[in-house]
Each structure stands twice: as structure tokens, then as C-alpha cells.
């Protein structure tokens, strides 16, 4: 008996950019913007009772027009929500060692900002990768409220 296991590769993270976005272009002219997101978790040390930060640094790659919007709208320290998929790659480093890297390839990037004129409510500015023909098309230039 063979058990069919559903395959799902979806990542959702929220954190802050660790550096300003750097926009580059492939030889075919497609924009690519690598980001690094610091995701923080507060933990209470059971031995001392002190609060400590557990920070994970997540590499993210944004492609196409969304990459260009990230360069325009984001900067170091910007709070963002990233939706995408986990990807793996192999490369050889400067010393000749083979390395493996896991990163998130973003489908959607939302810039979280507090609007003082609206009572400090959180809003999101979205940037998405281009939709394929099988995905529904939608307006990615708008601003929407994010429930917290």
C-alpha cells in the first residue's frame, strides 16, 4: 500500500531587512533583488528569568518587477512580511568547498508601516512576482490593511 503525501512548499515570515536592497539584472534584463530578513523571537530564560532574543537571518530572493519595487520602497530596518517558497541551491565557495544554501524565493513582499495620520494602524505596501497564466491576476500596486 502506497500512501500519497501532499506536497506543500510555502513560507511566511515577518521581520526586518538587515541591509539596503541591491537590485541587479540578469543578462536577459530581469531584475533580481537579494534580501536578508532578521526574524526575532523573544524567549524567557527559565534559569535566570531574563528575556533573550533568538534571531534567525533568512536569505530571500525577489524577482522581476517586484524586485524593482523592493529597491524603490525598502531600506535597512524596514519591517516586511514575505510570502514565498523554500528553494535550495549548491555552489562552490572561494576556497573550493561545495556548499548548499536554503533561501526563500519571494512571491509577495509586504512593507509594514505605521501611519500616524490613521491612528498608528499597520498598513502593507505589496510587491509581487509576476503571475503565471494559471494564477489569478490582481492589482499589486495597492495598499491594504493587515489585521493584527
C-alpha atoms as a PDB file:
ATOM      1  CA  UNK A   1       0.000   0.000   0.000  1.00  0.00           C
ATOM      2  CA  UNK A   2       1.407   3.335  -1.097  1.00  0.00           C
ATOM      3  CA  UNK A   3       0.440   6.405   0.935  1.00  0.00           C
ATOM      4  CA  UNK A   4       0.055   9.582  -1.082  1.00  0.00           C
ATOM      5  CA  UNK A   5       1.560  12.530   0.787  1.00  0.00           C
ATOM      6  CA  UNK A   6       0.562  16.019  -0.336  1.00  0.00           C
ATOM      7  CA  UNK A   7       3.475  18.258  -1.269  1.00  0.00           C
ATOM      8  CA  UNK A   8       3.450  21.792   0.046  1.00  0.00           C
ATOM      9  CA  UNK A   9       6.241  24.359  -0.091  1.00  0.00           C
ATOM     10  CA  UNK A  10       5.006  27.643   1.334  1.00  0.00           C
ATOM     11  CA  UNK A  11       6.888  30.021   3.627  1.00  0.00           C
ATOM     12  CA  UNK A  12       5.529  33.037   5.504  1.00  0.00           C
ATOM     13  CA  UNK A  13       7.944  35.147   7.566  1.00  0.00           C
ATOM     14  CA  UNK A  14       7.874  38.596   9.132  1.00  0.00           C
ATOM     15  CA  UNK A  15      10.941  40.542  10.157  1.00  0.00           C
ATOM     16  CA  UNK A  16      13.193  43.471   9.305  1.00  0.00           C
ATOM     17  CA  UNK A  17      15.688  43.975   6.473  1.00  0.00           C
ATOM     18  CA  UNK A  18      19.295  43.679   7.629  1.00  0.00           C
ATOM     19  CA  UNK A  19      20.666  45.843   4.782  1.00  0.00           C
ATOM     20  CA  UNK A  20      19.506  48.076   1.956  1.00  0.00           C
ATOM     21  CA  UNK A  21      18.207  46.126  -1.076  1.00  0.00           C
ATOM     22  CA  UNK A  22      20.624  45.775  -4.002  1.00  0.00           C
ATOM     23  CA  UNK A  23      18.942  45.500  -7.384  1.00  0.00           C
ATOM     24  CA  UNK A  24      20.771  43.650 -10.154  1.00  0.00           C
ATOM     25  CA  UNK A  25      19.701  42.486 -13.586  1.00  0.00           C
ATOM     26  CA  UNK A  26      20.242  39.139 -15.335  1.00  0.00           C
ATOM     27  CA  UNK A  27      21.703  39.001 -18.854  1.00  0.00           C
ATOM     28  CA  UNK A  28      18.111  38.827 -20.133  1.00  0.00           C
ATOM     29  CA  UNK A  29      17.224  42.032 -18.253  1.00  0.00           C
ATOM     30  CA  UNK A  30      15.171  40.515 -15.436  1.00  0.00           C
ATOM     31  CA  UNK A  31      15.501  42.275 -12.077  1.00  0.00           C
ATOM     32  CA  UNK A  32      16.691  40.311  -9.058  1.00  0.00           C
ATOM     33  CA  UNK A  33      16.932  41.653  -5.523  1.00  0.00           C
ATOM     34  CA  UNK A  34      18.528  39.550  -2.773  1.00  0.00           C
ATOM     35  CA  UNK A  35      17.387  40.477   0.743  1.00  0.00           C
ATOM     36  CA  UNK A  36      18.268  39.339   4.240  1.00  0.00           C
ATOM     37  CA  UNK A  37      15.485  39.330   6.826  1.00  0.00           C
ATOM     38  CA  UNK A  38      16.094  39.218  10.601  1.00  0.00           C
ATOM     39  CA  UNK A  39      13.286  37.298  12.293  1.00  0.00           C
ATOM     40  CA  UNK A  40      13.286  37.844  16.060  1.00  0.00           C
ATOM     41  CA  UNK A  41      11.740  35.684  18.785  1.00  0.00           C
ATOM     42  CA  UNK A  42      11.734  36.708  22.468  1.00  0.00           C
ATOM     43  CA  UNK A  43      12.380  33.909  24.950  1.00  0.00           C
ATOM     44  CA  UNK A  44      12.417  33.932  28.730  1.00  0.00           C
ATOM     45  CA  UNK A  45      15.400  32.054  30.173  1.00  0.00           C
ATOM     46  CA  UNK A  46      13.910  29.611  32.715  1.00  0.00           C
ATOM     47  CA  UNK A  47      17.109  29.602  34.803  1.00  0.00           C
ATOM     48  CA  UNK A  48      17.568  33.384  35.146  1.00  0.00           C
ATOM     49  CA  UNK A  49      14.139  34.769  34.232  1.00  0.00           C
ATOM     50  CA  UNK A  50      15.815  37.187  31.788  1.00  0.00           C
ATOM     51  CA  UNK A  51      14.348  37.839  28.360  1.00  0.00           C
ATOM     52  CA  UNK A  52      16.628  36.933  25.446  1.00  0.00           C
ATOM     53  CA  UNK A  53      16.390  37.399  21.702  1.00  0.00           C
ATOM     54  CA  UNK A  54      16.667  34.428  19.350  1.00  0.00           C
ATOM     55  CA  UNK A  55      17.329  35.925  15.911  1.00  0.00           C
ATOM     56  CA  UNK A  56      17.275  33.978  12.641  1.00  0.00           C
ATOM     57  CA  UNK A  57      18.647  35.579   9.473  1.00  0.00           C
ATOM     58  CA  UNK A  58      16.734  34.412   6.400  1.00  0.00           C
ATOM     59  CA  UNK A  59      18.052  34.963   2.863  1.00  0.00           C
ATOM     60  CA  UNK A  60      15.298  35.976   0.416  1.00  0.00           C
ATOM     61  CA  UNK A  61      15.366  36.495  -3.358  1.00  0.00           C
ATOM     62  CA  UNK A  62      12.801  38.670  -5.153  1.00  0.00           C
ATOM     63  CA  UNK A  63      12.498  38.571  -8.967  1.00  0.00           C
ATOM     64  CA  UNK A  64      11.094  40.742 -11.757  1.00  0.00           C
ATOM     65  CA  UNK A  65       9.110  43.950 -11.264  1.00  0.00           C
ATOM     66  CA  UNK A  66       8.667  43.110  -7.574  1.00  0.00           C
ATOM     67  CA  UNK A  67      12.472  43.275  -7.198  1.00  0.00           C
ATOM     68  CA  UNK A  68      12.478  46.761  -8.693  1.00  0.00           C
ATOM     69  CA  UNK A  69       9.700  47.889  -6.312  1.00  0.00           C
ATOM     70  CA  UNK A  70      11.652  46.481  -3.357  1.00  0.00           C
ATOM     71  CA  UNK A  71      14.654  48.616  -4.333  1.00  0.00           C
ATOM     72  CA  UNK A  72      12.412  51.697  -4.547  1.00  0.00           C
ATOM     73  CA  UNK A  73      10.402  51.192  -1.337  1.00  0.00           C
ATOM     74  CA  UNK A  74      12.566  49.231   1.138  1.00  0.00           C
ATOM     75  CA  UNK A  75      15.635  50.114   3.167  1.00  0.00           C
ATOM     76  CA  UNK A  76      17.639  48.645   6.019  1.00  0.00           C
ATOM     77  CA  UNK A  77      15.373  48.148   9.035  1.00  0.00           C
ATOM     78  CA  UNK A  78      12.122  48.110   7.028  1.00  0.00           C
ATOM     79  CA  UNK A  79       9.557  45.758   8.605  1.00  0.00           C
ATOM     80  CA  UNK A  80       8.294  43.298   5.984  1.00  0.00           C
ATOM     81  CA  UNK A  81       6.155  40.200   5.572  1.00  0.00           C
ATOM     82  CA  UNK A  82       7.485  37.752   2.986  1.00  0.00           C
ATOM     83  CA  UNK A  83       5.401  35.019   1.348  1.00  0.00           C
ATOM     84  CA  UNK A  84       7.140  32.540  -0.923  1.00  0.00           C
ATOM     85  CA  UNK A  85       8.678  29.120  -1.278  1.00  0.00           C
ATOM     86  CA  UNK A  86      11.810  27.460   0.094  1.00  0.00           C
ATOM     87  CA  UNK A  87      14.496  26.803  -2.516  1.00  0.00           C
ATOM     88  CA  UNK A  88      17.856  25.040  -2.322  1.00  0.00           C
ATOM     89  CA  UNK A  89      20.998  25.558  -4.363  1.00  0.00           C
ATOM     90  CA  UNK A  90      24.593  24.353  -4.443  1.00  0.00           C
ATOM     91  CA  UNK A  91      27.686  26.402  -5.159  1.00  0.00           C
ATOM     92  CA  UNK A  92      31.458  26.306  -4.747  1.00  0.00           C
ATOM     93  CA  UNK A  93      32.895  28.918  -2.384  1.00  0.00           C
ATOM     94  CA  UNK A  94      36.157  30.854  -2.803  1.00  0.00           C
ATOM     95  CA  UNK A  95      38.152  28.071  -1.110  1.00  0.00           C
ATOM     96  CA  UNK A  96      36.796  25.400  -3.487  1.00  0.00           C
ATOM     97  CA  UNK A  97      34.421  23.867  -0.916  1.00  0.00           C
ATOM     98  CA  UNK A  98      30.995  22.756  -2.138  1.00  0.00           C
ATOM     99  CA  UNK A  99      28.224  24.480  -0.181  1.00  0.00           C
ATOM    100  CA  UNK A 100      24.448  24.145  -0.005  1.00  0.00           C
ATOM    101  CA  UNK A 101      22.157  27.072   0.650  1.00  0.00           C
ATOM    102  CA  UNK A 102      18.484  27.259   1.558  1.00  0.00           C
ATOM    103  CA  UNK A 103      16.639  30.522   0.898  1.00  0.00           C
ATOM    104  CA  UNK A 104      13.162  31.863   0.329  1.00  0.00           C
ATOM    105  CA  UNK A 105      12.118  32.829  -3.185  1.00  0.00           C
ATOM    106  CA  UNK A 106       9.514  35.520  -2.602  1.00  0.00           C
ATOM    107  CA  UNK A 107       6.111  35.548  -4.272  1.00  0.00           C
ATOM    108  CA  UNK A 108       4.866  38.537  -2.274  1.00  0.00           C
ATOM    109  CA  UNK A 109       6.641  41.207  -0.235  1.00  0.00           C
ATOM    110  CA  UNK A 110       4.615  43.463   2.039  1.00  0.00           C
ATOM    111  CA  UNK A 111       6.172  46.556   3.600  1.00  0.00           C
ATOM    112  CA  UNK A 112       4.671  47.077   7.039  1.00  0.00           C
ATOM    113  CA  UNK A 113       4.367  50.726   8.053  1.00  0.00           C
ATOM    114  CA  UNK A 114       2.556  52.613  10.777  1.00  0.00           C
ATOM    115  CA  UNK A 115       0.502  55.528   9.524  1.00  0.00           C
ATOM    116  CA  UNK A 116       0.388  58.161  12.271  1.00  0.00           C
ATOM    117  CA  UNK A 117      -2.428  60.009  10.478  1.00  0.00           C
ATOM    118  CA  UNK A 118      -4.634  56.909  10.777  1.00  0.00           C
ATOM    119  CA  UNK A 119      -4.077  56.269  14.462  1.00  0.00           C
ATOM    120  CA  UNK A 120      -0.977  54.135  14.040  1.00  0.00           C
ATOM    121  CA  UNK A 121      -2.729  51.325  12.159  1.00  0.00           C
ATOM    122  CA  UNK A 122      -0.488  48.928  10.292  1.00  0.00           C
ATOM    123  CA  UNK A 123      -0.695  49.048   6.505  1.00  0.00           C
ATOM    124  CA  UNK A 124       1.005  46.979   3.860  1.00  0.00           C
ATOM    125  CA  UNK A 125       2.542  48.031   0.565  1.00  0.00           C
ATOM    126  CA  UNK A 126       2.731  44.943  -1.643  1.00  0.00           C
ATOM    127  CA  UNK A 127       5.173  43.840  -4.310  1.00  0.00           C
ATOM    128  CA  UNK A 128       4.598  40.514  -6.041  1.00  0.00           C
ATOM    129  CA  UNK A 129       6.462  38.433  -8.567  1.00  0.00           C
ATOM    130  CA  UNK A 130       4.760  38.237 -11.965  1.00  0.00           C
ATOM    131  CA  UNK A 131       1.762  35.911 -12.102  1.00  0.00           C
ATOM    132  CA  UNK A 132       1.817  32.882 -14.361  1.00  0.00           C
ATOM    133  CA  UNK A 133      -1.091  32.297 -16.715  1.00  0.00           C
ATOM    134  CA  UNK A 134      -2.557  29.708 -14.336  1.00  0.00           C
ATOM    135  CA  UNK A 135      -2.640  32.107 -11.384  1.00  0.00           C
ATOM    136  CA  UNK A 136      -5.337  34.766 -10.975  1.00  0.00           C
ATOM    137  CA  UNK A 137      -4.185  38.223 -11.947  1.00  0.00           C
ATOM    138  CA  UNK A 138      -4.612  41.060  -9.475  1.00  0.00           C
ATOM    139  CA  UNK A 139      -3.615  44.611  -8.680  1.00  0.00           C
ATOM    140  CA  UNK A 140      -0.318  44.596  -6.797  1.00  0.00           C
ATOM    141  CA  UNK A 141       0.129  48.328  -6.513  1.00  0.00           C
ATOM    142  CA  UNK A 142      -2.464  48.922  -3.810  1.00  0.00           C
ATOM    143  CA  UNK A 143      -2.238  49.370  -0.083  1.00  0.00           C
ATOM    144  CA  UNK A 144      -4.236  47.169   2.226  1.00  0.00           C
ATOM    145  CA  UNK A 145      -4.688  46.922   5.973  1.00  0.00           C
ATOM    146  CA  UNK A 146      -3.047  43.979   7.686  1.00  0.00           C
ATOM    147  CA  UNK A 147      -5.005  42.653  10.696  1.00  0.00           C
ATOM    148  CA  UNK A 148      -3.025  42.364  13.929  1.00  0.00           C
END
